[in-house]
Amino acid sequence: MTRTIIFHENHFIEFYITQNEKVKMKIQYVLELIKQVDRVPEKFLKHLSGTEGLYEIRIEVKSDIYRIFCCFDEGKLVILFNGFQKKSQKTPKEEIDRAKRLMTEYFQLK
């Protein structure tokens, strides 16, 4: 089973290019996993509770934690939205709101 990953606008790219090599390699690894593995472990991909269809891709490099929001479309299509480095236990509400807005936008433009 393979999924296709696409970017909605440049939000993910803008986040990605600011990361160091180690983080980029880990992001690529997790994206490959999402593309190829039927049931992706929650350690790497988790549904965001309280949202309709919004997921977070979870990346850890040493003690740094990163999140990339995404959703699924037509089953095998994964759409990436914004990413950020997580500084506290709780995911910032403004990042979640931004991802929800981008997801709505994506489905309206489709």
N, C-alpha and C. Protein backbone atom coordinates (compact mmCIF):
# COMPACT_ATOMS: atom_id res chain seq x y z
N MET A 1 0.84 -1.19 0.00
CA MET A 1 0.00 0.00 0.00
C MET A 1 0.88 1.25 0.00
N THR A 2 0.62 2.15 -0.91
CA THR A 2 1.38 3.40 -0.87
C THR A 2 0.44 4.59 -0.84
N ARG A 3 0.83 5.55 -0.05
CA ARG A 3 0.09 6.81 0.01
C ARG A 3 0.92 7.86 -0.74
N THR A 4 0.24 8.88 -1.19
CA THR A 4 0.91 10.00 -1.84
C THR A 4 0.85 11.19 -0.88
N ILE A 5 1.97 11.89 -0.75
CA ILE A 5 2.01 13.06 0.13
C ILE A 5 2.12 14.31 -0.72
N ILE A 6 1.22 15.26 -0.46
CA ILE A 6 1.29 16.55 -1.17
C ILE A 6 1.30 17.67 -0.13
N PHE A 7 1.70 18.85 -0.55
CA PHE A 7 1.73 20.01 0.34
C PHE A 7 0.62 20.97 -0.04
N HIS A 8 -0.07 21.49 0.97
CA HIS A 8 -1.03 22.56 0.72
C HIS A 8 -0.28 23.87 0.85
N GLU A 9 -0.15 24.60 -0.24
CA GLU A 9 0.63 25.84 -0.30
C GLU A 9 2.06 25.58 0.18
N ASN A 10 2.73 26.58 0.77
CA ASN A 10 4.14 26.42 1.13
C ASN A 10 4.41 26.28 2.62
N HIS A 11 3.37 26.08 3.41
CA HIS A 11 3.53 26.09 4.87
C HIS A 11 4.53 25.04 5.35
N PHE A 12 4.39 23.83 4.85
CA PHE A 12 5.30 22.76 5.27
C PHE A 12 6.74 23.04 4.79
N ILE A 13 6.88 23.44 3.53
CA ILE A 13 8.21 23.71 2.95
C ILE A 13 8.92 24.80 3.76
N GLU A 14 8.20 25.87 4.10
CA GLU A 14 8.78 26.97 4.88
C GLU A 14 9.30 26.47 6.22
N PHE A 15 8.56 25.56 6.84
CA PHE A 15 8.99 24.97 8.11
C PHE A 15 10.21 24.07 7.88
N TYR A 16 10.13 23.24 6.86
CA TYR A 16 11.16 22.23 6.58
C TYR A 16 12.53 22.85 6.31
N ILE A 17 12.57 23.87 5.47
CA ILE A 17 13.87 24.44 5.08
C ILE A 17 14.60 25.13 6.23
N THR A 18 13.89 25.42 7.32
CA THR A 18 14.56 26.07 8.46
C THR A 18 15.16 25.04 9.43
N GLN A 19 14.93 23.75 9.18
CA GLN A 19 15.42 22.71 10.11
C GLN A 19 16.84 22.28 9.77
N ASN A 20 17.54 21.71 10.77
CA ASN A 20 18.89 21.21 10.51
C ASN A 20 18.82 19.84 9.83
N GLU A 21 19.97 19.34 9.39
CA GLU A 21 20.02 18.08 8.63
C GLU A 21 19.41 16.89 9.38
N LYS A 22 19.73 16.77 10.68
CA LYS A 22 19.21 15.64 11.47
C LYS A 22 17.69 15.64 11.48
N VAL A 23 17.11 16.82 11.68
CA VAL A 23 15.64 16.94 11.73
C VAL A 23 15.06 16.63 10.35
N LYS A 24 15.68 17.15 9.31
CA LYS A 24 15.20 16.89 7.94
C LYS A 24 15.22 15.40 7.64
N MET A 25 16.30 14.72 8.06
CA MET A 25 16.39 13.28 7.81
C MET A 25 15.29 12.52 8.55
N LYS A 26 15.01 12.93 9.77
CA LYS A 26 13.96 12.26 10.55
C LYS A 26 12.59 12.53 9.93
N ILE A 27 12.36 13.75 9.47
CA ILE A 27 11.09 14.09 8.81
C ILE A 27 10.93 13.21 7.56
N GLN A 28 11.99 13.09 6.77
CA GLN A 28 11.93 12.26 5.56
C GLN A 28 11.64 10.81 5.91
N TYR A 29 12.27 10.34 6.97
CA TYR A 29 12.06 8.95 7.42
C TYR A 29 10.59 8.72 7.77
N VAL A 30 10.03 9.62 8.57
CA VAL A 30 8.64 9.46 9.02
C VAL A 30 7.67 9.60 7.83
N LEU A 31 7.95 10.52 6.92
CA LEU A 31 7.09 10.67 5.73
C LEU A 31 7.13 9.40 4.87
N GLU A 32 8.30 8.79 4.73
CA GLU A 32 8.42 7.52 4.00
C GLU A 32 7.58 6.43 4.67
N LEU A 33 7.65 6.41 6.00
CA LEU A 33 6.89 5.44 6.78
C LEU A 33 5.39 5.61 6.52
N ILE A 34 4.93 6.86 6.55
CA ILE A 34 3.52 7.15 6.32
C ILE A 34 3.12 6.73 4.90
N LYS A 35 4.02 6.93 3.95
CA LYS A 35 3.74 6.54 2.56
C LYS A 35 3.57 5.03 2.43
N GLN A 36 4.40 4.26 3.16
CA GLN A 36 4.49 2.84 2.88
C GLN A 36 3.83 1.90 3.87
N VAL A 37 3.69 2.31 5.11
CA VAL A 37 3.17 1.39 6.13
C VAL A 37 1.66 1.52 6.24
N ASP A 38 0.99 0.38 6.21
CA ASP A 38 -0.46 0.36 6.26
C ASP A 38 -1.00 1.00 7.53
N ARG A 39 -0.54 0.51 8.67
CA ARG A 39 -0.97 1.06 9.96
C ARG A 39 0.22 1.75 10.62
N VAL A 40 0.25 3.07 10.49
CA VAL A 40 1.37 3.84 11.03
C VAL A 40 1.24 3.92 12.55
N PRO A 41 2.30 3.56 13.30
CA PRO A 41 2.21 3.63 14.77
C PRO A 41 1.87 5.05 15.26
N GLU A 42 1.11 5.11 16.35
CA GLU A 42 0.71 6.41 16.91
C GLU A 42 1.90 7.26 17.32
N LYS A 43 3.01 6.61 17.54
CA LYS A 43 4.23 7.33 17.88
C LYS A 43 4.58 8.34 16.77
N PHE A 44 4.18 8.04 15.53
CA PHE A 44 4.53 8.88 14.38
C PHE A 44 3.35 9.64 13.79
N LEU A 45 2.15 9.11 13.95
CA LEU A 45 0.98 9.75 13.33
C LEU A 45 -0.21 9.55 14.25
N LYS A 46 -0.81 10.66 14.67
CA LYS A 46 -1.89 10.55 15.64
C LYS A 46 -3.02 11.49 15.28
N HIS A 47 -4.25 10.99 15.40
CA HIS A 47 -5.42 11.85 15.17
C HIS A 47 -5.48 12.87 16.30
N LEU A 48 -5.77 14.10 15.96
CA LEU A 48 -5.85 15.17 16.95
C LEU A 48 -7.25 15.14 17.56
N SER A 49 -7.32 14.77 18.83
CA SER A 49 -8.65 14.64 19.45
C SER A 49 -9.37 15.99 19.43
N GLY A 50 -10.67 15.92 19.26
CA GLY A 50 -11.48 17.13 19.20
C GLY A 50 -11.47 17.80 17.83
N THR A 51 -10.89 17.13 16.83
CA THR A 51 -10.92 17.69 15.47
C THR A 51 -11.54 16.69 14.53
N GLU A 52 -12.01 17.20 13.42
CA GLU A 52 -12.59 16.34 12.40
C GLU A 52 -11.55 16.05 11.33
N GLY A 53 -10.86 14.92 11.48
CA GLY A 53 -9.95 14.50 10.42
C GLY A 53 -8.57 15.15 10.40
N LEU A 54 -8.22 15.87 11.46
CA LEU A 54 -6.88 16.49 11.50
C LEU A 54 -5.92 15.57 12.26
N TYR A 55 -4.74 15.36 11.68
CA TYR A 55 -3.74 14.48 12.28
C TYR A 55 -2.46 15.26 12.53
N GLU A 56 -1.64 14.74 13.45
CA GLU A 56 -0.33 15.34 13.62
C GLU A 56 0.73 14.27 13.37
N ILE A 57 1.72 14.65 12.57
CA ILE A 57 2.88 13.80 12.34
C ILE A 57 3.86 14.17 13.44
N ARG A 58 4.36 13.15 14.14
CA ARG A 58 5.17 13.40 15.33
C ARG A 58 6.63 13.03 15.05
N ILE A 59 7.50 14.02 15.25
CA ILE A 59 8.92 13.82 14.98
C ILE A 59 9.71 14.15 16.23
N GLU A 60 10.62 13.25 16.59
CA GLU A 60 11.48 13.51 17.73
C GLU A 60 12.92 13.33 17.34
N VAL A 61 13.73 14.32 17.65
CA VAL A 61 15.16 14.25 17.42
C VAL A 61 15.81 14.63 18.74
N LYS A 62 16.47 13.65 19.38
CA LYS A 62 17.00 13.82 20.73
C LYS A 62 15.87 14.30 21.63
N SER A 63 16.04 15.50 22.25
CA SER A 63 14.97 15.94 23.15
C SER A 63 14.05 16.96 22.48
N ASP A 64 14.28 17.20 21.19
CA ASP A 64 13.43 18.15 20.46
C ASP A 64 12.24 17.43 19.84
N ILE A 65 11.09 18.10 19.93
CA ILE A 65 9.86 17.51 19.40
C ILE A 65 9.28 18.45 18.35
N TYR A 66 8.87 17.85 17.23
CA TYR A 66 8.30 18.62 16.13
C TYR A 66 6.96 18.02 15.76
N ARG A 67 6.06 18.87 15.27
CA ARG A 67 4.76 18.41 14.82
C ARG A 67 4.48 18.98 13.44
N ILE A 68 3.88 18.16 12.60
CA ILE A 68 3.43 18.61 11.29
C ILE A 68 1.98 18.17 11.17
N PHE A 69 1.10 19.12 10.89
CA PHE A 69 -0.32 18.78 10.77
C PHE A 69 -0.62 18.29 9.37
N CYS A 70 -1.57 17.36 9.29
CA CYS A 70 -1.96 16.84 7.98
C CYS A 70 -3.38 16.28 8.05
N CYS A 71 -3.91 15.95 6.89
CA CYS A 71 -5.19 15.24 6.83
C CYS A 71 -5.12 14.28 5.66
N PHE A 72 -6.12 13.42 5.58
CA PHE A 72 -6.20 12.47 4.48
C PHE A 72 -7.29 12.91 3.52
N ASP A 73 -7.10 12.61 2.25
CA ASP A 73 -8.11 12.89 1.25
C ASP A 73 -8.18 11.68 0.33
N GLU A 74 -9.38 11.24 0.02
CA GLU A 74 -9.58 10.10 -0.87
C GLU A 74 -8.74 8.89 -0.45
N GLY A 75 -8.61 8.70 0.85
CA GLY A 75 -7.96 7.50 1.36
C GLY A 75 -6.44 7.47 1.31
N LYS A 76 -5.88 7.60 0.12
CA LYS A 76 -4.43 7.41 -0.01
C LYS A 76 -3.65 8.70 -0.21
N LEU A 77 -4.31 9.83 -0.09
CA LEU A 77 -3.64 11.11 -0.29
C LEU A 77 -3.46 11.77 1.08
N VAL A 78 -2.22 12.17 1.38
CA VAL A 78 -1.94 12.84 2.65
C VAL A 78 -1.56 14.28 2.32
N ILE A 79 -2.26 15.24 2.94
CA ILE A 79 -2.00 16.65 2.67
C ILE A 79 -1.31 17.25 3.88
N LEU A 80 -0.10 17.80 3.67
CA LEU A 80 0.65 18.40 4.76
C LEU A 80 0.33 19.88 4.89
N PHE A 81 0.17 20.31 6.13
CA PHE A 81 -0.07 21.72 6.41
C PHE A 81 1.14 22.31 7.14
N ASN A 82 0.89 23.05 8.21
CA ASN A 82 1.97 23.71 8.95
C ASN A 82 2.72 22.77 9.86
N GLY A 83 3.97 23.11 10.13
CA GLY A 83 4.79 22.37 11.07
C GLY A 83 5.39 23.34 12.07
N PHE A 84 5.78 22.84 13.22
CA PHE A 84 6.39 23.71 14.22
C PHE A 84 7.17 22.87 15.22
N GLN A 85 8.06 23.53 15.97
CA GLN A 85 8.77 22.83 17.04
C GLN A 85 7.97 23.01 18.32
N LYS A 86 7.75 21.90 18.99
CA LYS A 86 6.94 21.91 20.20
C LYS A 86 7.83 22.26 21.40
N LYS A 87 7.44 23.29 22.13
CA LYS A 87 8.27 23.77 23.25
C LYS A 87 7.69 23.37 24.60
N SER A 88 6.42 22.95 24.61
CA SER A 88 5.81 22.58 25.88
C SER A 88 4.96 21.34 25.69
N GLN A 89 4.40 20.83 26.78
CA GLN A 89 3.56 19.64 26.72
C GLN A 89 2.37 19.82 25.80
N LYS A 90 1.78 21.01 25.87
CA LYS A 90 0.55 21.26 25.13
C LYS A 90 0.84 21.85 23.76
N THR A 91 0.16 21.34 22.75
CA THR A 91 0.29 21.90 21.41
C THR A 91 -0.39 23.27 21.41
N PRO A 92 0.32 24.31 20.96
CA PRO A 92 -0.27 25.67 20.97
C PRO A 92 -1.57 25.72 20.18
N LYS A 93 -2.58 26.34 20.79
CA LYS A 93 -3.90 26.43 20.17
C LYS A 93 -3.82 27.13 18.82
N GLU A 94 -2.98 28.16 18.71
CA GLU A 94 -2.92 28.90 17.44
C GLU A 94 -2.38 28.02 16.31
N GLU A 95 -1.52 27.06 16.62
CA GLU A 95 -1.02 26.14 15.58
C GLU A 95 -2.14 25.20 15.12
N ILE A 96 -2.94 24.73 16.09
CA ILE A 96 -4.08 23.86 15.75
C ILE A 96 -5.10 24.63 14.93
N ASP A 97 -5.40 25.87 15.36
CA ASP A 97 -6.37 26.70 14.63
C ASP A 97 -5.90 26.97 13.21
N ARG A 98 -4.60 27.21 13.07
CA ARG A 98 -4.03 27.45 11.75
C ARG A 98 -4.20 26.22 10.87
N ALA A 99 -3.90 25.05 11.43
CA ALA A 99 -4.03 23.80 10.67
C ALA A 99 -5.49 23.56 10.26
N LYS A 100 -6.42 23.82 11.18
CA LYS A 100 -7.85 23.65 10.86
C LYS A 100 -8.25 24.58 9.72
N ARG A 101 -7.76 25.82 9.78
CA ARG A 101 -8.07 26.81 8.75
C ARG A 101 -7.51 26.35 7.40
N LEU A 102 -6.27 25.84 7.41
CA LEU A 102 -5.64 25.37 6.17
C LEU A 102 -6.37 24.16 5.60
N MET A 103 -6.85 23.29 6.49
CA MET A 103 -7.57 22.11 6.02
C MET A 103 -8.88 22.52 5.37
N THR A 104 -9.60 23.43 5.98
CA THR A 104 -10.86 23.94 5.42
C THR A 104 -10.60 24.56 4.05
N GLU A 105 -9.55 25.39 3.99
CA GLU A 105 -9.14 26.05 2.76
C GLU A 105 -8.84 25.03 1.66
N TYR A 106 -8.09 23.99 2.02
CA TYR A 106 -7.72 22.96 1.05
C TYR A 106 -8.95 22.33 0.42
N PHE A 107 -9.94 21.94 1.26
CA PHE A 107 -11.12 21.27 0.72
C PHE A 107 -12.02 22.23 -0.06
N GLN A 108 -11.97 23.53 0.29
CA GLN A 108 -12.76 24.50 -0.48
C GLN A 108 -12.15 24.74 -1.86
N LEU A 109 -10.82 24.76 -1.92
CA LEU A 109 -10.13 25.03 -3.19
C LEU A 109 -10.10 23.84 -4.12
N LYS A 110 -10.28 22.67 -3.56
CA LYS A 110 -10.13 21.43 -4.31
C LYS A 110 -11.06 21.34 -5.51
